[in-house]
């Protein structure tokens, strides 16, 4: 559904298009240090983002903020067609400011992850924008030509404006049921206390529910075990510290809730596909 962090290009932007029949596809779970816009032309998939579950159908569009853990469940033997854009905030920020929509953009970043549904007219207007970007990206001079970069930013800004308009016009968050509310609270607890010891016994005491029930519903709704989600959350923070601070790796290990450096390095490499040291070097 999107790119590993190291495949987002030097200008902080990437676009991918795929149209194929899904085979026996395993669930995909990951995060990245860039925002993501995914537009689905043909899909019938389940997506879990941070603390919410979404049913994705033809014509749906998702905006996923940077570092949001998401998991996608694909049904086998179904047709699947989608565009995915990944972009760093810095790539679009200047043009957002110039257009005078920085406040609206920041509202998007503060809000929950956004799903919008499109009608037939909207669908083809969005596809037209995406095809224009794709054509620009496939042009061999694109990586060197600042005018091509400006064109891409203009089309991306149009897409952002489209998302804002569709959200304001028709999007309303779905009402959460009791189980969804529990998952939202547990995810919120882990997000705030990832640097502390977290386990089923602790969650049982915090939420006054049987730990086996918590384990069952958390995996059923999110697709992650509590341990898997916690590890992903800790690695997100470790990545930020490795990139944005000069802290020693061993200090980052303990600051993010790991209790020994060997375990930290093993989990970090499993999730990031690279060691902490190599990640820091870029």
Foldseek 3Di string as FASTA:
>chain_A
DDDFQVPQDPLFKDKDKDKDAAAPDDKDKAFYQWKKKKFWQAAAKWKDWLQDIDGDGHQKIKIHGHLIIMIIDGDHGGITIMMMMTGHCVLQVVVCVVVVNVVLVVVCVPDDIDMFGDDPVVSVVLVVLSVVLVVLVPPVCNVPDVVSSVSNSVSVVVVVVVRSVRCVPDDDDDDDDPLSVLSNVLSVVLLVPLLEDDDLVVVCVVVVDHSVVVQVSNCVRRVDGSVRSSLSSLLSQLLCCLAPHPDDSQVSCNSRNHDGDVVNQVSNCVRSVDGSVVSSVD
